[in-house]
Amino acid sequence: MGIYEDRVLPHLVDLCCGTKHLNPERQRICSGLHGRVLEIGFGSGRNVPFYPDTVKSVSAIEPADLGWRMAAERVAASPVPVERSGLDGQHLPFADNSFDSALSTWTLCTIPDAETALAEVRRVLVPGGTFHFVEHGLAPDAGVAKWQNRLNPLQKAVAGGCHLNRDIRGLIESAGFEIRDIDRYYQPDGPKPWGALTLGVAVSA
């Protein structure tokens, strides 16, 4: 990665995605995690305080060394063992059927090949394993989506390849997951092009 992606972007992501007003989303989406958990886009470890007691271990995928260093205190304080286990969600270094649950929070917007990453997540989940996600992406309203398409080139340039307009549900279903629960809504008190959230749980068939 370049200097911007390795030294600046992790701070920017932590600033935007680490605010307290997102904690209810983190609490909600982590609540059903269990057993061996894979987390892609671990970042600075903002989800660590919300892992439930049903989690036995977490394998973290995080490309930025700085992001992992920023997570050090949270990882050290976690009652759940957390290990940095890979750098690239598109190429997971695990055997098939290795995990009971997987977690992605504000990650699928930025992975260059989200389709491949989701196929990898499904591969390493046991049959019936759960994929928990909260992502920003394509808005349900045409007017907002139109602005997302307009702003997307600028967003990708300043936010390390982050897309405003990815169809999160479509990507997950195309990867072979079955959506079990899903909620699409706008973050309150924020600009809608950046605040169109998709939160839910999908099952690996």
N, C-alpha and C. Protein backbone atom coordinates (compact mmCIF):
# COMPACT_ATOMS: atom_id res chain seq x y z
N MET A 1 0.84 -1.19 0.00
CA MET A 1 0.00 0.00 0.00
C MET A 1 0.87 1.24 0.00
N GLY A 2 0.33 2.36 -0.50
CA GLY A 2 1.05 3.61 -0.51
C GLY A 2 1.02 4.29 0.84
N ILE A 3 1.73 5.42 0.94
CA ILE A 3 1.82 6.14 2.21
C ILE A 3 0.45 6.61 2.68
N TYR A 4 -0.35 7.12 1.76
CA TYR A 4 -1.69 7.62 2.13
C TYR A 4 -2.54 6.48 2.69
N GLU A 5 -2.57 5.35 1.97
CA GLU A 5 -3.40 4.23 2.40
C GLU A 5 -2.91 3.62 3.70
N ASP A 6 -1.59 3.62 3.91
CA ASP A 6 -1.03 2.94 5.08
C ASP A 6 -0.96 3.83 6.31
N ARG A 7 -0.74 5.15 6.12
CA ARG A 7 -0.49 6.03 7.26
C ARG A 7 -1.59 7.05 7.54
N VAL A 8 -2.34 7.39 6.53
CA VAL A 8 -3.37 8.43 6.68
C VAL A 8 -4.77 7.82 6.72
N LEU A 9 -5.06 6.95 5.76
CA LEU A 9 -6.41 6.42 5.62
C LEU A 9 -6.93 5.71 6.87
N PRO A 10 -6.10 4.92 7.59
CA PRO A 10 -6.65 4.29 8.81
C PRO A 10 -7.16 5.30 9.82
N HIS A 11 -6.50 6.44 9.93
CA HIS A 11 -6.99 7.49 10.83
C HIS A 11 -8.30 8.08 10.32
N LEU A 12 -8.39 8.28 9.02
CA LEU A 12 -9.61 8.83 8.43
C LEU A 12 -10.79 7.88 8.62
N VAL A 13 -10.56 6.59 8.38
CA VAL A 13 -11.62 5.60 8.56
C VAL A 13 -12.05 5.54 10.02
N ASP A 14 -11.08 5.58 10.92
CA ASP A 14 -11.41 5.52 12.35
C ASP A 14 -12.20 6.75 12.77
N LEU A 15 -11.87 7.89 12.19
CA LEU A 15 -12.59 9.12 12.51
C LEU A 15 -14.04 9.04 12.05
N CYS A 16 -14.25 8.51 10.85
CA CYS A 16 -15.60 8.47 10.27
C CYS A 16 -16.44 7.32 10.81
N CYS A 17 -15.79 6.17 11.03
CA CYS A 17 -16.54 4.97 11.41
C CYS A 17 -16.40 4.61 12.89
N GLY A 18 -15.64 5.39 13.63
CA GLY A 18 -15.42 5.06 15.03
C GLY A 18 -16.18 5.93 16.00
N THR A 19 -17.12 6.70 15.50
CA THR A 19 -17.88 7.60 16.38
C THR A 19 -18.89 6.82 17.22
N LYS A 20 -19.23 7.39 18.37
CA LYS A 20 -20.11 6.70 19.32
C LYS A 20 -21.51 6.50 18.76
N HIS A 21 -21.94 7.37 17.84
CA HIS A 21 -23.31 7.23 17.35
C HIS A 21 -23.50 5.98 16.49
N LEU A 22 -22.39 5.32 16.12
CA LEU A 22 -22.48 4.06 15.38
C LEU A 22 -22.46 2.84 16.30
N ASN A 23 -22.25 3.06 17.59
CA ASN A 23 -22.19 1.93 18.52
C ASN A 23 -23.47 1.09 18.56
N PRO A 24 -24.65 1.69 18.46
CA PRO A 24 -25.86 0.84 18.43
C PRO A 24 -25.86 -0.15 17.26
N GLU A 25 -25.36 0.29 16.10
CA GLU A 25 -25.26 -0.63 14.96
C GLU A 25 -24.28 -1.76 15.26
N ARG A 26 -23.16 -1.41 15.85
CA ARG A 26 -22.16 -2.44 16.19
C ARG A 26 -22.73 -3.43 17.22
N GLN A 27 -23.39 -2.91 18.22
CA GLN A 27 -24.00 -3.78 19.24
C GLN A 27 -25.03 -4.71 18.61
N ARG A 28 -25.83 -4.15 17.75
CA ARG A 28 -26.92 -4.92 17.14
C ARG A 28 -26.38 -6.04 16.25
N ILE A 29 -25.38 -5.76 15.43
CA ILE A 29 -24.93 -6.74 14.44
C ILE A 29 -23.98 -7.77 15.04
N CYS A 30 -23.33 -7.44 16.15
CA CYS A 30 -22.44 -8.40 16.80
C CYS A 30 -23.18 -9.36 17.72
N SER A 31 -24.42 -9.04 18.08
CA SER A 31 -25.10 -9.77 19.15
C SER A 31 -25.28 -11.26 18.85
N GLY A 32 -25.40 -11.65 17.60
CA GLY A 32 -25.62 -13.06 17.29
C GLY A 32 -24.38 -13.84 16.90
N LEU A 33 -23.22 -13.23 16.95
CA LEU A 33 -21.99 -13.94 16.61
C LEU A 33 -21.74 -15.09 17.58
N HIS A 34 -21.13 -16.17 17.06
CA HIS A 34 -20.88 -17.30 17.94
C HIS A 34 -19.72 -18.14 17.41
N GLY A 35 -19.11 -18.88 18.31
CA GLY A 35 -18.06 -19.83 17.94
C GLY A 35 -16.82 -19.15 17.38
N ARG A 36 -16.29 -19.73 16.33
CA ARG A 36 -15.10 -19.20 15.65
C ARG A 36 -15.57 -18.13 14.67
N VAL A 37 -15.05 -16.93 14.83
CA VAL A 37 -15.53 -15.79 14.06
C VAL A 37 -14.41 -15.24 13.17
N LEU A 38 -14.77 -14.95 11.93
CA LEU A 38 -13.90 -14.25 10.99
C LEU A 38 -14.40 -12.82 10.88
N GLU A 39 -13.51 -11.85 11.06
CA GLU A 39 -13.88 -10.44 10.84
C GLU A 39 -13.02 -9.86 9.72
N ILE A 40 -13.66 -9.46 8.63
CA ILE A 40 -12.93 -8.81 7.54
C ILE A 40 -13.03 -7.30 7.70
N GLY A 41 -11.93 -6.61 7.41
CA GLY A 41 -11.90 -5.17 7.61
C GLY A 41 -11.92 -4.82 9.09
N PHE A 42 -11.03 -5.42 9.84
CA PHE A 42 -11.00 -5.27 11.30
C PHE A 42 -10.71 -3.84 11.73
N GLY A 43 -9.91 -3.13 10.95
CA GLY A 43 -9.61 -1.72 11.25
C GLY A 43 -8.94 -1.55 12.59
N SER A 44 -9.45 -0.60 13.38
CA SER A 44 -8.88 -0.31 14.69
C SER A 44 -9.58 -1.06 15.81
N GLY A 45 -10.34 -2.08 15.47
CA GLY A 45 -10.94 -2.94 16.48
C GLY A 45 -12.15 -2.36 17.18
N ARG A 46 -12.90 -1.52 16.49
CA ARG A 46 -14.05 -0.88 17.12
C ARG A 46 -15.16 -1.86 17.51
N ASN A 47 -15.17 -3.05 16.90
CA ASN A 47 -16.21 -4.03 17.24
C ASN A 47 -15.85 -4.86 18.47
N VAL A 48 -14.61 -4.84 18.88
CA VAL A 48 -14.15 -5.74 19.94
C VAL A 48 -15.00 -5.63 21.21
N PRO A 49 -15.35 -4.43 21.68
CA PRO A 49 -16.14 -4.36 22.92
C PRO A 49 -17.54 -4.95 22.80
N PHE A 50 -17.98 -5.25 21.58
CA PHE A 50 -19.34 -5.73 21.38
C PHE A 50 -19.43 -7.22 21.08
N TYR A 51 -18.28 -7.92 21.09
CA TYR A 51 -18.34 -9.36 20.89
C TYR A 51 -19.09 -10.00 22.06
N PRO A 52 -20.09 -10.85 21.79
CA PRO A 52 -20.82 -11.50 22.88
C PRO A 52 -20.04 -12.67 23.47
N ASP A 53 -20.52 -13.17 24.58
CA ASP A 53 -19.86 -14.27 25.28
C ASP A 53 -19.85 -15.56 24.46
N THR A 54 -20.71 -15.64 23.47
CA THR A 54 -20.80 -16.84 22.63
C THR A 54 -19.65 -16.96 21.63
N VAL A 55 -18.83 -15.91 21.51
CA VAL A 55 -17.68 -15.94 20.60
C VAL A 55 -16.50 -16.60 21.29
N LYS A 56 -15.90 -17.60 20.63
CA LYS A 56 -14.76 -18.30 21.20
C LYS A 56 -13.42 -17.70 20.76
N SER A 57 -13.36 -17.24 19.50
CA SER A 57 -12.12 -16.66 18.97
C SER A 57 -12.45 -15.82 17.75
N VAL A 58 -11.58 -14.86 17.44
CA VAL A 58 -11.76 -14.00 16.28
C VAL A 58 -10.48 -13.99 15.45
N SER A 59 -10.61 -14.28 14.18
CA SER A 59 -9.51 -14.15 13.23
C SER A 59 -9.75 -12.86 12.44
N ALA A 60 -8.84 -11.91 12.59
CA ALA A 60 -9.02 -10.58 12.03
C ALA A 60 -8.25 -10.43 10.72
N ILE A 61 -8.95 -9.89 9.71
CA ILE A 61 -8.32 -9.59 8.44
C ILE A 61 -8.21 -8.08 8.34
N GLU A 62 -6.97 -7.57 8.29
CA GLU A 62 -6.75 -6.13 8.26
C GLU A 62 -5.47 -5.82 7.47
N PRO A 63 -5.58 -5.10 6.35
CA PRO A 63 -4.40 -4.84 5.52
C PRO A 63 -3.44 -3.80 6.08
N ALA A 64 -3.93 -2.85 6.88
CA ALA A 64 -3.10 -1.73 7.31
C ALA A 64 -2.41 -2.03 8.64
N ASP A 65 -1.09 -1.97 8.65
CA ASP A 65 -0.35 -2.15 9.90
C ASP A 65 -0.75 -1.12 10.93
N LEU A 66 -0.97 0.12 10.49
CA LEU A 66 -1.35 1.18 11.42
C LEU A 66 -2.71 0.87 12.04
N GLY A 67 -3.65 0.39 11.24
CA GLY A 67 -4.95 0.02 11.78
C GLY A 67 -4.82 -1.01 12.88
N TRP A 68 -3.98 -2.03 12.66
CA TRP A 68 -3.78 -3.06 13.67
C TRP A 68 -3.13 -2.50 14.92
N ARG A 69 -2.16 -1.57 14.75
CA ARG A 69 -1.54 -0.95 15.93
C ARG A 69 -2.55 -0.12 16.71
N MET A 70 -3.43 0.56 16.00
CA MET A 70 -4.47 1.36 16.66
C MET A 70 -5.43 0.48 17.46
N ALA A 71 -5.53 -0.78 17.08
CA ALA A 71 -6.44 -1.70 17.77
C ALA A 71 -5.81 -2.35 18.99
N ALA A 72 -4.53 -2.11 19.24
CA ALA A 72 -3.77 -2.88 20.23
C ALA A 72 -4.42 -2.89 21.61
N GLU A 73 -4.85 -1.74 22.11
CA GLU A 73 -5.42 -1.69 23.45
C GLU A 73 -6.74 -2.45 23.53
N ARG A 74 -7.56 -2.33 22.49
CA ARG A 74 -8.83 -3.05 22.49
C ARG A 74 -8.60 -4.56 22.43
N VAL A 75 -7.66 -4.96 21.60
CA VAL A 75 -7.35 -6.39 21.49
C VAL A 75 -6.81 -6.93 22.81
N ALA A 76 -5.93 -6.16 23.45
CA ALA A 76 -5.35 -6.60 24.71
C ALA A 76 -6.40 -6.72 25.82
N ALA A 77 -7.42 -5.86 25.76
CA ALA A 77 -8.46 -5.87 26.80
C ALA A 77 -9.58 -6.86 26.53
N SER A 78 -9.57 -7.47 25.36
CA SER A 78 -10.66 -8.35 24.98
C SER A 78 -10.60 -9.68 25.72
N PRO A 79 -11.73 -10.12 26.29
CA PRO A 79 -11.76 -11.46 26.89
C PRO A 79 -11.77 -12.56 25.82
N VAL A 80 -12.03 -12.17 24.58
CA VAL A 80 -12.04 -13.11 23.46
C VAL A 80 -10.69 -13.06 22.75
N PRO A 81 -10.04 -14.18 22.49
CA PRO A 81 -8.77 -14.16 21.75
C PRO A 81 -8.97 -13.60 20.34
N VAL A 82 -8.18 -12.59 19.99
CA VAL A 82 -8.23 -11.97 18.67
C VAL A 82 -6.85 -12.05 18.06
N GLU A 83 -6.76 -12.59 16.85
CA GLU A 83 -5.47 -12.74 16.17
C GLU A 83 -5.56 -12.14 14.77
N ARG A 84 -4.58 -11.34 14.42
CA ARG A 84 -4.49 -10.86 13.04
C ARG A 84 -4.06 -12.02 12.16
N SER A 85 -4.94 -12.41 11.24
CA SER A 85 -4.75 -13.68 10.54
C SER A 85 -4.64 -13.53 9.03
N GLY A 86 -4.65 -12.31 8.52
CA GLY A 86 -4.54 -12.10 7.08
C GLY A 86 -4.64 -10.64 6.73
N LEU A 87 -4.29 -10.33 5.48
CA LEU A 87 -4.26 -8.95 5.02
C LEU A 87 -5.31 -8.65 3.96
N ASP A 88 -5.85 -9.67 3.32
CA ASP A 88 -6.67 -9.45 2.14
C ASP A 88 -7.92 -10.31 2.19
N GLY A 89 -9.09 -9.66 2.27
CA GLY A 89 -10.34 -10.39 2.30
C GLY A 89 -10.66 -11.12 1.03
N GLN A 90 -9.95 -10.79 -0.05
CA GLN A 90 -10.17 -11.47 -1.33
C GLN A 90 -9.42 -12.79 -1.43
N HIS A 91 -8.48 -13.01 -0.50
CA HIS A 91 -7.67 -14.24 -0.50
C HIS A 91 -7.49 -14.67 0.96
N LEU A 92 -8.47 -15.38 1.50
CA LEU A 92 -8.43 -15.77 2.90
C LEU A 92 -7.58 -17.02 3.10
N PRO A 93 -6.64 -16.97 4.04
CA PRO A 93 -5.70 -18.09 4.22
C PRO A 93 -6.24 -19.17 5.15
N PHE A 94 -7.45 -19.64 4.87
CA PHE A 94 -8.09 -20.64 5.72
C PHE A 94 -8.67 -21.77 4.87
N ALA A 95 -8.81 -22.92 5.50
CA ALA A 95 -9.45 -24.04 4.84
C ALA A 95 -10.96 -23.81 4.77
N ASP A 96 -11.62 -24.55 3.90
CA ASP A 96 -13.07 -24.51 3.83
C ASP A 96 -13.66 -24.88 5.20
N ASN A 97 -14.83 -24.30 5.49
CA ASN A 97 -15.59 -24.66 6.69
C ASN A 97 -14.81 -24.42 7.99
N SER A 98 -14.11 -23.29 8.05
CA SER A 98 -13.27 -23.00 9.21
C SER A 98 -13.96 -22.17 10.29
N PHE A 99 -15.06 -21.49 9.94
CA PHE A 99 -15.66 -20.54 10.88
C PHE A 99 -17.16 -20.75 11.02
N ASP A 100 -17.66 -20.38 12.20
CA ASP A 100 -19.09 -20.46 12.48
C ASP A 100 -19.82 -19.18 12.10
N SER A 101 -19.15 -18.04 12.21
CA SER A 101 -19.74 -16.75 11.89
C SER A 101 -18.69 -15.86 11.24
N ALA A 102 -19.17 -14.89 10.50
CA ALA A 102 -18.28 -13.87 9.91
C ALA A 102 -18.91 -12.51 10.11
N LEU A 103 -18.07 -11.48 10.15
CA LEU A 103 -18.51 -10.12 10.45
C LEU A 103 -17.86 -9.13 9.50
N SER A 104 -18.67 -8.20 8.99
CA SER A 104 -18.17 -7.12 8.15
C SER A 104 -18.91 -5.85 8.51
N THR A 105 -18.18 -4.82 8.92
CA THR A 105 -18.79 -3.54 9.26
C THR A 105 -18.10 -2.42 8.48
N TRP A 106 -18.84 -1.80 7.58
CA TRP A 106 -18.33 -0.72 6.75
C TRP A 106 -17.03 -1.12 6.05
N THR A 107 -17.09 -2.28 5.40
CA THR A 107 -15.92 -2.87 4.75
C THR A 107 -16.15 -3.15 3.27
N LEU A 108 -17.32 -3.67 2.92
CA LEU A 108 -17.58 -4.08 1.53
C LEU A 108 -17.56 -2.90 0.57
N CYS A 109 -17.69 -1.69 1.08
CA CYS A 109 -17.64 -0.51 0.22
C CYS A 109 -16.25 -0.30 -0.38
N THR A 110 -15.23 -0.81 0.28
CA THR A 110 -13.85 -0.47 -0.08
C THR A 110 -13.07 -1.62 -0.70
N ILE A 111 -13.40 -2.86 -0.37
CA ILE A 111 -12.68 -3.99 -0.95
C ILE A 111 -12.76 -3.91 -2.47
N PRO A 112 -11.62 -3.94 -3.17
CA PRO A 112 -11.66 -3.77 -4.63
C PRO A 112 -12.59 -4.75 -5.34
N ASP A 113 -12.53 -6.02 -4.96
CA ASP A 113 -13.36 -7.04 -5.59
C ASP A 113 -14.25 -7.64 -4.51
N ALA A 114 -15.37 -6.97 -4.27
CA ALA A 114 -16.27 -7.41 -3.20
C ALA A 114 -16.87 -8.77 -3.50
N GLU A 115 -17.11 -9.07 -4.76
CA GLU A 115 -17.68 -10.37 -5.12
C GLU A 115 -16.76 -11.51 -4.71
N THR A 116 -15.46 -11.35 -5.01
CA THR A 116 -14.50 -12.40 -4.63
C THR A 116 -14.38 -12.51 -3.12
N ALA A 117 -14.37 -11.38 -2.42
CA ALA A 117 -14.28 -11.41 -0.97
C ALA A 117 -15.46 -12.15 -0.35
N LEU A 118 -16.66 -11.89 -0.85
CA LEU A 118 -17.84 -12.56 -0.32
C LEU A 118 -17.83 -14.06 -0.64
N ALA A 119 -17.34 -14.41 -1.81
CA ALA A 119 -17.20 -15.83 -2.15
C ALA A 119 -16.22 -16.52 -1.20
N GLU A 120 -15.16 -15.82 -0.83
CA GLU A 120 -14.19 -16.36 0.12
C GLU A 120 -14.81 -16.51 1.51
N VAL A 121 -15.57 -15.52 1.94
CA VAL A 121 -16.24 -15.61 3.24
C VAL A 121 -17.16 -16.82 3.26
N ARG A 122 -17.92 -16.99 2.22
CA ARG A 122 -18.85 -18.14 2.16
C ARG A 122 -18.07 -19.45 2.16
N ARG A 123 -16.94 -19.49 1.48
CA ARG A 123 -16.13 -20.72 1.42
C ARG A 123 -15.66 -21.15 2.79
N VAL A 124 -15.23 -20.18 3.61
CA VAL A 124 -14.63 -20.54 4.90
C VAL A 124 -15.66 -20.70 6.01
N LEU A 125 -16.93 -20.36 5.75
CA LEU A 125 -17.98 -20.59 6.73
C LEU A 125 -18.47 -22.03 6.65
N VAL A 126 -18.83 -22.57 7.79
CA VAL A 126 -19.46 -23.89 7.80
C VAL A 126 -20.84 -23.79 7.16
N PRO A 127 -21.38 -24.86 6.60
CA PRO A 127 -22.75 -24.82 6.11
C PRO A 127 -23.71 -24.38 7.22
N GLY A 128 -24.52 -23.38 6.93
CA GLY A 128 -25.40 -22.82 7.94
C GLY A 128 -24.75 -21.73 8.77
N GLY A 129 -23.46 -21.44 8.49
CA GLY A 129 -22.78 -20.36 9.20
C GLY A 129 -23.40 -19.01 8.86
N THR A 130 -23.25 -18.05 9.75
CA THR A 130 -23.91 -16.76 9.60
C THR A 130 -22.92 -15.65 9.26
N PHE A 131 -23.34 -14.81 8.34
CA PHE A 131 -22.57 -13.63 7.94
C PHE A 131 -23.32 -12.40 8.42
N HIS A 132 -22.70 -11.66 9.33
CA HIS A 132 -23.30 -10.48 9.94
C HIS A 132 -22.68 -9.23 9.30
N PHE A 133 -23.51 -8.29 8.90
CA PHE A 133 -22.98 -7.14 8.16
C PHE A 133 -23.77 -5.87 8.45
N VAL A 134 -23.05 -4.77 8.48
CA VAL A 134 -23.64 -3.44 8.41
C VAL A 134 -22.73 -2.62 7.50
N GLU A 135 -23.32 -2.11 6.43
CA GLU A 135 -22.56 -1.44 5.38
C GLU A 135 -23.34 -0.21 4.89
N HIS A 136 -22.62 0.79 4.42
CA HIS A 136 -23.29 1.85 3.68
C HIS A 136 -23.20 1.51 2.20
N GLY A 137 -24.20 1.93 1.45
CA GLY A 137 -24.21 1.60 0.04
C GLY A 137 -25.36 2.25 -0.69
N LEU A 138 -25.77 1.61 -1.78
CA LEU A 138 -26.77 2.18 -2.67
C LEU A 138 -28.06 2.49 -1.92
N ALA A 139 -28.50 3.73 -2.05
CA ALA A 139 -29.71 4.17 -1.36
C ALA A 139 -30.96 3.61 -2.02
N PRO A 140 -32.03 3.42 -1.25
CA PRO A 140 -33.27 2.90 -1.82
C PRO A 140 -34.05 3.94 -2.62
N ASP A 141 -33.71 5.20 -2.47
CA ASP A 141 -34.42 6.28 -3.16
C ASP A 141 -33.64 6.73 -4.38
N ALA A 142 -34.33 6.85 -5.52
CA ALA A 142 -33.66 7.17 -6.78
C ALA A 142 -32.93 8.49 -6.73
N GLY A 143 -33.51 9.48 -6.07
CA GLY A 143 -32.87 10.79 -6.01
C GLY A 143 -31.55 10.75 -5.26
N VAL A 144 -31.54 10.04 -4.14
CA VAL A 144 -30.30 9.91 -3.36
C VAL A 144 -29.28 9.07 -4.13
N ALA A 145 -29.74 7.99 -4.75
CA ALA A 145 -28.84 7.14 -5.53
C ALA A 145 -28.19 7.92 -6.67
N LYS A 146 -28.94 8.84 -7.27
CA LYS A 146 -28.39 9.65 -8.35
C LYS A 146 -27.22 10.49 -7.86
N TRP A 147 -27.36 11.06 -6.66
CA TRP A 147 -26.27 11.84 -6.08
C TRP A 147 -25.09 10.94 -5.71
N GLN A 148 -25.37 9.74 -5.25
CA GLN A 148 -24.29 8.80 -4.94
C GLN A 148 -23.46 8.49 -6.18
N ASN A 149 -24.13 8.30 -7.30
CA ASN A 149 -23.41 8.02 -8.54
C ASN A 149 -22.56 9.20 -8.97
N ARG A 150 -23.07 10.40 -8.76
CA ARG A 150 -22.32 11.60 -9.11
C ARG A 150 -21.09 11.78 -8.22
N LEU A 151 -21.27 11.50 -6.94
CA LEU A 151 -20.20 11.75 -5.97
C LEU A 151 -19.20 10.60 -5.87
N ASN A 152 -19.53 9.46 -6.44
CA ASN A 152 -18.71 8.27 -6.24
C ASN A 152 -17.26 8.42 -6.70
N PRO A 153 -16.97 9.04 -7.85
CA PRO A 153 -15.56 9.18 -8.24
C PRO A 153 -14.74 9.98 -7.22
N LEU A 154 -15.33 11.05 -6.68
CA LEU A 154 -14.62 11.83 -5.66
C LEU A 154 -14.45 11.02 -4.38
N GLN A 155 -15.49 10.31 -3.99
CA GLN A 155 -15.43 9.48 -2.79
C GLN A 155 -14.31 8.46 -2.89
N LYS A 156 -14.21 7.78 -4.02
CA LYS A 156 -13.17 6.77 -4.19
C LYS A 156 -11.77 7.39 -4.12
N ALA A 157 -11.64 8.60 -4.64
CA ALA A 157 -10.33 9.24 -4.68
C ALA A 157 -9.84 9.64 -3.28
N VAL A 158 -10.74 10.15 -2.45
CA VAL A 158 -10.32 10.66 -1.14
C VAL A 158 -10.43 9.63 -0.03
N ALA A 159 -11.20 8.56 -0.27
CA ALA A 159 -11.47 7.60 0.81
C ALA A 159 -10.92 6.21 0.49
N GLY A 160 -9.82 6.15 -0.24
CA GLY A 160 -9.12 4.89 -0.43
C GLY A 160 -9.88 3.85 -1.21
N GLY A 161 -10.69 4.29 -2.19
CA GLY A 161 -11.43 3.35 -3.02
C GLY A 161 -12.82 3.03 -2.51
N CYS A 162 -13.28 3.73 -1.47
CA CYS A 162 -14.62 3.51 -0.92
C CYS A 162 -15.69 3.92 -1.93
N HIS A 163 -16.66 3.04 -2.14
CA HIS A 163 -17.78 3.30 -3.05
C HIS A 163 -19.02 3.72 -2.25
N LEU A 164 -19.73 4.70 -2.76
CA LEU A 164 -20.99 5.10 -2.16
C LEU A 164 -22.16 4.27 -2.66
N ASN A 165 -22.03 3.65 -3.82
CA ASN A 165 -23.19 3.13 -4.53
C ASN A 165 -23.18 1.62 -4.77
N ARG A 166 -22.53 0.87 -3.94
CA ARG A 166 -22.58 -0.58 -4.10
C ARG A 166 -23.90 -1.14 -3.56
N ASP A 167 -24.45 -2.09 -4.30
CA ASP A 167 -25.70 -2.74 -3.91
C ASP A 167 -25.37 -3.87 -2.95
N ILE A 168 -25.42 -3.58 -1.67
CA ILE A 168 -24.94 -4.52 -0.66
C ILE A 168 -25.76 -5.81 -0.66
N ARG A 169 -27.07 -5.68 -0.65
CA ARG A 169 -27.89 -6.89 -0.65
C ARG A 169 -27.64 -7.72 -1.91
N GLY A 170 -27.58 -7.05 -3.06
CA GLY A 170 -27.35 -7.77 -4.30
C GLY A 170 -26.03 -8.50 -4.31
N LEU A 171 -24.98 -7.88 -3.78
CA LEU A 171 -23.67 -8.52 -3.72
C LEU A 171 -23.71 -9.77 -2.85
N ILE A 172 -24.36 -9.66 -1.70
CA ILE A 172 -24.40 -10.78 -0.76
C ILE A 172 -25.20 -11.95 -1.34
N GLU A 173 -26.33 -11.64 -1.93
CA GLU A 173 -27.15 -12.70 -2.51
C GLU A 173 -26.47 -13.34 -3.72
N SER A 174 -25.77 -12.54 -4.51
CA SER A 174 -25.07 -13.07 -5.67
C SER A 174 -23.95 -14.02 -5.28
N ALA A 175 -23.43 -13.86 -4.06
CA ALA A 175 -22.36 -14.73 -3.58
C ALA A 175 -22.91 -16.07 -3.07
N GLY A 176 -24.24 -16.23 -3.08
CA GLY A 176 -24.82 -17.51 -2.67
C GLY A 176 -25.34 -17.55 -1.25
N PHE A 177 -25.36 -16.39 -0.58
CA PHE A 177 -25.92 -16.34 0.76
C PHE A 177 -27.44 -16.19 0.69
N GLU A 178 -28.08 -16.69 1.72
CA GLU A 178 -29.53 -16.49 1.89
C GLU A 178 -29.74 -15.46 2.99
N ILE A 179 -30.37 -14.34 2.66
CA ILE A 179 -30.63 -13.30 3.64
C ILE A 179 -31.64 -13.80 4.66
N ARG A 180 -31.27 -13.72 5.94
CA ARG A 180 -32.19 -14.13 7.00
C ARG A 180 -32.90 -12.92 7.61
N ASP A 181 -32.16 -11.88 7.88
CA ASP A 181 -32.72 -10.64 8.41
C ASP A 181 -32.04 -9.49 7.69
N ILE A 182 -32.79 -8.43 7.40
CA ILE A 182 -32.18 -7.27 6.76
C ILE A 182 -32.97 -6.02 7.10
N ASP A 183 -32.27 -4.92 7.24
CA ASP A 183 -32.89 -3.63 7.54
C ASP A 183 -32.14 -2.57 6.73
N ARG A 184 -32.86 -1.80 5.96
CA ARG A 184 -32.27 -0.71 5.19
C ARG A 184 -32.85 0.61 5.69
N TYR A 185 -31.97 1.54 6.02
CA TYR A 185 -32.43 2.80 6.59
C TYR A 185 -31.33 3.85 6.46
N TYR A 186 -31.69 5.08 6.74
CA TYR A 186 -30.71 6.17 6.73
C TYR A 186 -30.27 6.47 8.16
N GLN A 187 -28.98 6.72 8.31
CA GLN A 187 -28.51 7.20 9.59
C GLN A 187 -29.19 8.53 9.90
N PRO A 188 -29.67 8.73 11.11
CA PRO A 188 -30.29 10.01 11.45
C PRO A 188 -29.26 11.13 11.51
N ASP A 189 -29.69 12.30 11.16
CA ASP A 189 -28.85 13.51 11.31
C ASP A 189 -27.57 13.45 10.49
N GLY A 190 -27.63 12.83 9.32
CA GLY A 190 -26.45 12.79 8.46
C GLY A 190 -26.84 12.92 7.01
N PRO A 191 -25.87 13.22 6.13
CA PRO A 191 -26.17 13.32 4.70
C PRO A 191 -26.53 11.96 4.12
N LYS A 192 -27.65 11.89 3.45
CA LYS A 192 -28.17 10.62 2.98
C LYS A 192 -27.26 9.87 2.01
N PRO A 193 -26.52 10.53 1.11
CA PRO A 193 -25.65 9.76 0.21
C PRO A 193 -24.62 8.92 0.95
N TRP A 194 -24.20 9.37 2.13
CA TRP A 194 -23.23 8.62 2.92
C TRP A 194 -23.89 7.78 4.01
N GLY A 195 -25.16 7.99 4.25
CA GLY A 195 -25.80 7.37 5.40
C GLY A 195 -26.85 6.34 5.09
N ALA A 196 -26.85 5.80 3.86
CA ALA A 196 -27.79 4.74 3.51
C ALA A 196 -27.22 3.40 3.97
N LEU A 197 -27.76 2.85 5.04
CA LEU A 197 -27.20 1.65 5.66
C LEU A 197 -28.00 0.41 5.31
N THR A 198 -27.28 -0.70 5.20
CA THR A 198 -27.88 -2.03 5.08
C THR A 198 -27.30 -2.89 6.18
N LEU A 199 -28.17 -3.37 7.08
CA LEU A 199 -27.74 -4.14 8.24
C LEU A 199 -28.50 -5.45 8.25
N GLY A 200 -27.79 -6.55 8.45
CA GLY A 200 -28.51 -7.82 8.47
C GLY A 200 -27.63 -9.02 8.72
N VAL A 201 -28.25 -10.18 8.60
CA VAL A 201 -27.59 -11.46 8.77
C VAL A 201 -27.97 -12.35 7.60
N ALA A 202 -26.96 -12.99 7.02
CA ALA A 202 -27.19 -13.93 5.93
C ALA A 202 -26.62 -15.30 6.32
N VAL A 203 -27.13 -16.34 5.69
CA VAL A 203 -26.74 -17.70 6.03
C VAL A 203 -26.03 -18.34 4.84
N SER A 204 -24.95 -19.04 5.12
CA SER A 204 -24.23 -19.78 4.09
C SER A 204 -24.90 -21.11 3.86
N ALA A 205 -25.36 -21.35 2.65
CA ALA A 205 -26.07 -22.59 2.35
C ALA A 205 -25.10 -23.75 2.26
